[in-house]
Amino acid sequence: MRDLPPLDCHAHISPEIDPRTLEGLGAVTLIATRSVQEFQSVAGRSDLVSVWGVGCHPSLVRTQAAFDAKAFQKAMELTPFVAEVGLDGGSRVPLEKQQQTLRAVLGLLEATPRIVSVHSHKATGEVLALLAASKGADGLVLHWWRGDEEQTARAIALGCYFSINFSMIRLTDGWRSIPLDRVLVETDHPAGDRFSVKPRQPGRVQPVEAALAAHHNLAARDIRLRIWANFARMVRDTNVFELMPVPIRRMVEAAAPGTN
């Protein structure tokens, strides 16, 4: 099997960035937007190795206030990726409003499964409670997870995956208990890779791969293959293969033949 490129499962990138610039990164990148409006500005693009998600960021007051389930559902039909959604205990948005929005998004995901990147800063328990009450667990990814050991075990039991970035490697040990078959990697550029080695850019997940390889006593290439296999499983379980750009479909097939 040919080598697969790095897979960055959560990054923030300006909608004005040219697709060819993203191709030049040499990686596949799942890009989180903060609102339906931001997603609509990129919905007509034809990126080859990038996937733009639709989101409703929990820390943005106007975005949360403007959330409309019908508009969100319409946007979901155009992408295999929902990001960034979730709860933030440090947000100025009342938690009740955030919960209302996330509950609505999870309800949409029950009918229309997608890979979804979930924010849980200072609200890990509240996020797990909502995920446990939902039926759309096949595509759940806990991005930049900060839960304790018990919460991590609960998330694993719910079927969640975990997207690990350099800041998690640098500041916590919780990632060490996550089984390899639930691991994805991300930059969360420009925040999550702020202290990573240069160049700090979307798709630059090699430092995280190296840390995972050292922890599991595996080669970095083997870690990357595991990550791609996990991603391919999520693509299959959420039935979003046809929504992926053609080059990414080929990579998914290479990682796990028979995914389509």
Protein backbone atom coordinates (compact mmCIF):
# COMPACT_ATOMS: atom_id res chain seq x y z
CA MET A 1 0.00 0.00 0.00
CA ARG A 2 1.31 3.42 -0.90
CA ASP A 3 2.02 5.88 1.87
CA LEU A 4 -0.93 7.98 2.97
CA PRO A 5 -0.56 11.71 3.76
CA PRO A 6 -1.05 13.27 7.19
CA LEU A 7 -4.70 13.54 8.22
CA ASP A 8 -5.60 16.65 10.22
CA CYS A 9 -9.07 16.13 11.67
CA HIS A 10 -9.66 19.65 13.01
CA ALA A 11 -8.20 22.97 11.88
CA HIS A 12 -9.42 26.53 11.42
CA ILE A 13 -8.55 28.12 8.08
CA SER A 14 -9.67 31.36 6.44
CA PRO A 15 -12.36 30.77 3.80
CA GLU A 16 -10.33 33.03 1.53
CA ILE A 17 -7.44 30.56 1.29
CA ASP A 18 -7.01 29.23 -2.25
CA PRO A 19 -7.58 25.46 -2.70
CA ARG A 20 -4.18 25.08 -4.33
CA THR A 21 -2.52 26.55 -1.26
CA LEU A 22 -4.19 23.86 0.82
CA GLU A 23 -3.09 21.19 -1.65
CA GLY A 24 0.46 22.45 -1.20
CA LEU A 25 0.35 21.52 2.50
CA GLY A 26 0.69 17.87 1.53
CA ALA A 27 -2.04 16.76 3.94
CA VAL A 28 -5.75 16.04 4.12
CA THR A 29 -7.46 18.57 6.36
CA LEU A 30 -10.93 18.67 7.90
CA ILE A 31 -11.72 22.35 8.39
CA ALA A 32 -14.06 23.59 11.11
CA THR A 33 -16.19 26.65 10.51
CA ARG A 34 -17.84 28.64 13.27
CA SER A 35 -21.26 29.29 11.73
CA VAL A 36 -23.62 28.38 8.92
CA GLN A 37 -22.82 31.72 7.33
CA GLU A 38 -19.10 30.97 7.27
CA PHE A 39 -19.79 27.54 5.79
CA GLN A 40 -22.03 29.05 3.11
CA SER A 41 -19.10 31.19 1.97
CA VAL A 42 -17.14 28.03 1.07
CA ALA A 43 -19.97 25.69 0.06
CA GLY A 44 -19.32 26.22 -3.64
CA ARG A 45 -15.62 25.33 -3.50
CA SER A 46 -14.15 22.24 -5.13
CA ASP A 47 -11.25 21.44 -2.81
CA LEU A 48 -9.44 18.19 -3.55
CA VAL A 49 -7.83 17.39 -0.20
CA SER A 50 -9.80 19.56 2.23
CA VAL A 51 -13.27 19.11 3.71
CA TRP A 52 -15.13 22.14 5.05
CA GLY A 53 -17.49 21.46 7.94
CA VAL A 54 -20.55 23.38 9.05
CA GLY A 55 -20.52 24.54 12.64
CA CYS A 56 -22.07 26.66 15.37
CA HIS A 57 -19.28 27.49 17.79
CA PRO A 58 -20.41 27.52 21.44
CA SER A 59 -18.30 30.54 22.39
CA LEU A 60 -19.79 32.94 19.83
CA VAL A 61 -22.75 34.91 21.16
CA ARG A 62 -24.20 36.08 17.84
CA THR A 63 -23.69 32.71 16.17
CA GLN A 64 -25.50 30.88 18.96
CA ALA A 65 -28.32 33.44 18.99
CA ALA A 66 -28.76 33.10 15.22
CA PHE A 67 -28.79 29.29 15.16
CA ASP A 68 -31.53 27.96 12.90
CA ALA A 69 -32.01 24.20 12.72
CA LYS A 70 -33.47 24.25 9.20
CA ALA A 71 -30.56 26.26 7.81
CA PHE A 72 -28.11 23.99 9.61
CA GLN A 73 -29.77 20.88 8.21
CA LYS A 74 -29.66 22.30 4.69
CA ALA A 75 -25.94 23.00 5.09
CA MET A 76 -25.35 19.49 6.45
CA GLU A 77 -26.61 18.04 3.18
CA LEU A 78 -23.58 19.55 1.42
CA THR A 79 -20.79 18.22 3.64
CA PRO A 80 -19.69 15.01 5.39
CA PHE A 81 -18.33 17.02 8.33
CA VAL A 82 -20.01 18.96 11.14
CA ALA A 83 -17.63 21.25 13.04
CA GLU A 84 -17.34 22.99 15.24
CA VAL A 85 -20.19 22.35 17.66
CA GLY A 86 -20.38 21.59 21.38
CA LEU A 87 -20.39 23.28 24.77
CA ASP A 88 -17.97 25.72 26.39
CA GLY A 89 -18.09 26.33 30.13
CA GLY A 90 -16.11 29.55 29.72
CA SER A 91 -18.39 31.06 27.09
CA ARG A 92 -20.47 34.21 27.55
CA VAL A 93 -23.32 32.31 25.93
CA PRO A 94 -25.62 30.91 28.65
CA LEU A 95 -25.04 27.17 29.02
CA GLU A 96 -28.75 26.49 28.61
CA LYS A 97 -28.67 28.13 25.16
CA GLN A 98 -25.57 26.16 24.19
CA GLN A 99 -27.24 22.93 25.29
CA GLN A 100 -30.34 23.79 23.28
CA THR A 101 -28.22 24.29 20.16
CA LEU A 102 -26.14 21.14 20.62
CA ARG A 103 -29.24 19.08 21.38
CA ALA A 104 -30.78 20.30 18.12
CA VAL A 105 -27.63 19.46 16.14
CA LEU A 106 -27.45 15.98 17.65
CA GLY A 107 -31.10 15.48 16.71
CA LEU A 108 -30.27 16.36 13.10
CA LEU A 109 -27.36 13.91 13.19
CA GLU A 110 -29.66 11.10 14.25
CA ALA A 111 -31.46 11.43 10.91
CA THR A 112 -28.43 12.50 8.86
CA PRO A 113 -25.23 10.97 10.27
CA ARG A 114 -22.03 12.92 9.81
CA ILE A 115 -18.53 12.96 11.24
CA VAL A 116 -18.85 15.62 13.94
CA SER A 117 -16.11 17.39 15.89
CA VAL A 118 -17.32 18.25 19.39
CA HIS A 119 -15.95 21.07 21.57
CA SER A 120 -16.13 20.40 25.34
CA HIS A 121 -13.91 22.99 27.08
CA LYS A 122 -14.87 23.21 30.78
CA ALA A 123 -18.04 21.25 30.00
CA THR A 124 -16.95 17.64 29.57
CA GLY A 125 -19.62 16.19 31.84
CA GLU A 126 -22.39 18.23 30.25
CA VAL A 127 -21.27 17.20 26.76
CA LEU A 128 -21.22 13.52 27.71
CA ALA A 129 -24.74 13.80 29.13
CA LEU A 130 -26.07 15.15 25.83
CA LEU A 131 -24.15 12.60 23.77
CA ALA A 132 -25.50 9.78 25.93
CA ALA A 133 -29.04 10.99 25.25
CA SER A 134 -28.51 11.07 21.47
CA LYS A 135 -28.61 8.25 18.93
CA GLY A 136 -26.05 9.60 16.47
CA ALA A 137 -22.90 8.25 18.10
CA ASP A 138 -21.27 6.69 15.04
CA GLY A 139 -19.47 9.87 13.99
CA LEU A 140 -18.68 11.55 17.29
CA VAL A 141 -15.17 12.97 17.69
CA LEU A 142 -14.18 14.67 20.94
CA HIS A 143 -11.81 17.40 19.83
CA TRP A 144 -9.10 18.60 22.28
CA TRP A 145 -10.58 16.39 25.01
CA ARG A 146 -9.85 17.35 28.64
CA GLY A 147 -11.99 14.82 30.47
CA ASP A 148 -10.75 12.82 33.45
CA GLU A 149 -10.17 9.06 33.40
CA GLU A 150 -13.75 8.19 34.33
CA GLN A 151 -15.19 10.57 31.73
CA THR A 152 -12.85 9.21 29.07
CA ALA A 153 -14.05 5.69 29.85
CA ARG A 154 -17.66 6.88 29.53
CA ALA A 155 -16.90 8.52 26.20
CA ILE A 156 -15.29 5.32 24.92
CA ALA A 157 -18.38 3.36 25.98
CA LEU A 158 -20.50 5.82 23.99
CA GLY A 159 -18.47 5.04 20.87
CA CYS A 160 -16.61 8.34 20.72
CA TYR A 161 -13.32 8.94 18.95
CA PHE A 162 -10.74 11.42 20.22
CA SER A 163 -8.84 13.95 18.13
CA ILE A 164 -5.45 14.57 19.76
CA ASN A 165 -3.40 17.73 19.19
CA PHE A 166 0.04 18.91 20.26
CA SER A 167 -1.29 20.92 23.20
CA MET A 168 -2.87 17.76 24.63
CA ILE A 169 0.45 15.94 24.27
CA ARG A 170 2.29 18.85 25.88
CA LEU A 171 -0.04 19.60 28.79
CA THR A 172 -1.88 16.41 29.75
CA ASP A 173 -1.50 12.66 30.14
CA GLY A 174 -5.13 11.77 29.51
CA TRP A 175 -4.45 10.92 25.87
CA ARG A 176 -2.30 7.99 26.96
CA SER A 177 -5.34 5.98 28.07
CA ILE A 178 -7.20 6.32 24.77
CA PRO A 179 -7.11 3.07 22.77
CA LEU A 180 -5.51 3.31 19.34
CA ASP A 181 -8.70 2.25 17.58
CA ARG A 182 -10.35 5.48 18.83
CA VAL A 183 -7.50 7.88 18.02
CA LEU A 184 -7.45 10.64 15.41
CA VAL A 185 -5.06 13.58 15.25
CA GLU A 186 -5.48 17.30 14.65
CA THR A 187 -3.63 20.58 14.71
CA ASP A 188 -6.56 22.75 15.80
CA HIS A 189 -4.57 25.40 13.96
CA PRO A 190 -3.91 28.15 14.95
CA ALA A 191 -4.59 27.49 18.67
CA GLY A 192 -3.80 23.84 19.28
CA ASP A 193 -0.44 23.91 17.51
CA ARG A 194 0.72 27.22 19.00
CA PHE A 195 3.66 25.58 20.80
CA SER A 196 4.34 22.83 18.29
CA VAL A 197 7.50 22.63 16.21
CA LYS A 198 7.69 24.76 13.08
CA PRO A 199 6.24 24.99 10.52
CA ARG A 200 3.02 25.50 12.47
CA GLN A 201 0.38 25.05 9.80
CA PRO A 202 -2.75 23.02 9.07
CA GLY A 203 -1.94 19.40 8.32
CA ARG A 204 1.28 19.43 10.33
CA VAL A 205 0.34 16.56 12.67
CA GLN A 206 3.69 14.73 12.52
CA PRO A 207 4.73 15.80 16.06
CA VAL A 208 1.54 14.24 17.42
CA GLU A 209 2.07 11.09 15.37
CA ALA A 210 5.61 10.86 16.75
CA ALA A 211 4.40 11.13 20.36
CA LEU A 212 1.77 8.45 19.77
CA ALA A 213 4.37 6.22 18.11
CA ALA A 214 6.73 6.56 21.08
CA HIS A 215 3.95 5.85 23.58
CA HIS A 216 2.74 2.73 21.76
CA ASN A 217 6.20 1.56 20.70
CA LEU A 218 5.25 1.67 17.03
CA ALA A 219 6.65 3.33 13.93
CA ALA A 220 5.13 6.69 13.02
CA ARG A 221 4.00 5.20 9.70
CA ASP A 222 2.03 2.54 11.59
CA ILE A 223 0.35 5.21 13.68
CA ARG A 224 -0.69 7.07 10.54
CA LEU A 225 -2.14 3.91 9.04
CA ARG A 226 -4.12 3.29 12.25
CA ILE A 227 -5.47 6.85 12.13
CA TRP A 228 -6.53 6.46 8.52
CA ALA A 229 -8.17 3.12 9.31
CA ASN A 230 -10.12 4.77 12.14
CA PHE A 231 -11.18 7.59 9.85
CA ALA A 232 -12.23 5.12 7.15
CA ARG A 233 -14.35 3.28 9.71
CA MET A 234 -16.11 6.52 10.60
CA VAL A 235 -16.69 7.30 6.92
CA ARG A 236 -18.28 3.88 6.51
CA ASP A 237 -20.35 4.03 9.70
CA THR A 238 -21.75 7.46 8.87
CA ASN A 239 -22.22 6.63 5.17
CA VAL A 240 -20.51 9.83 3.97
CA PHE A 241 -18.11 8.28 1.44
CA GLU A 242 -19.82 9.87 -1.57
CA LEU A 243 -19.66 13.32 0.03
CA MET A 244 -15.87 13.21 0.24
CA PRO A 245 -13.71 14.70 -2.54
CA VAL A 246 -12.61 12.01 -5.00
CA PRO A 247 -8.92 12.03 -3.95
CA ILE A 248 -9.92 11.51 -0.31
CA ARG A 249 -12.23 8.66 -1.32
CA ARG A 250 -9.25 6.95 -2.92
CA MET A 251 -7.22 7.38 0.27
CA VAL A 252 -10.05 6.01 2.37
CA GLU A 253 -10.25 2.99 0.06
CA ALA A 254 -6.50 2.49 0.36
CA ALA A 255 -6.74 2.62 4.15
CA ALA A 256 -9.71 0.25 4.38
CA PRO A 257 -10.69 -1.50 1.13
CA GLY A 258 -14.43 -1.90 0.75
CA THR A 259 -15.37 1.28 2.63
CA ASN A 260 -17.54 2.68 -0.18
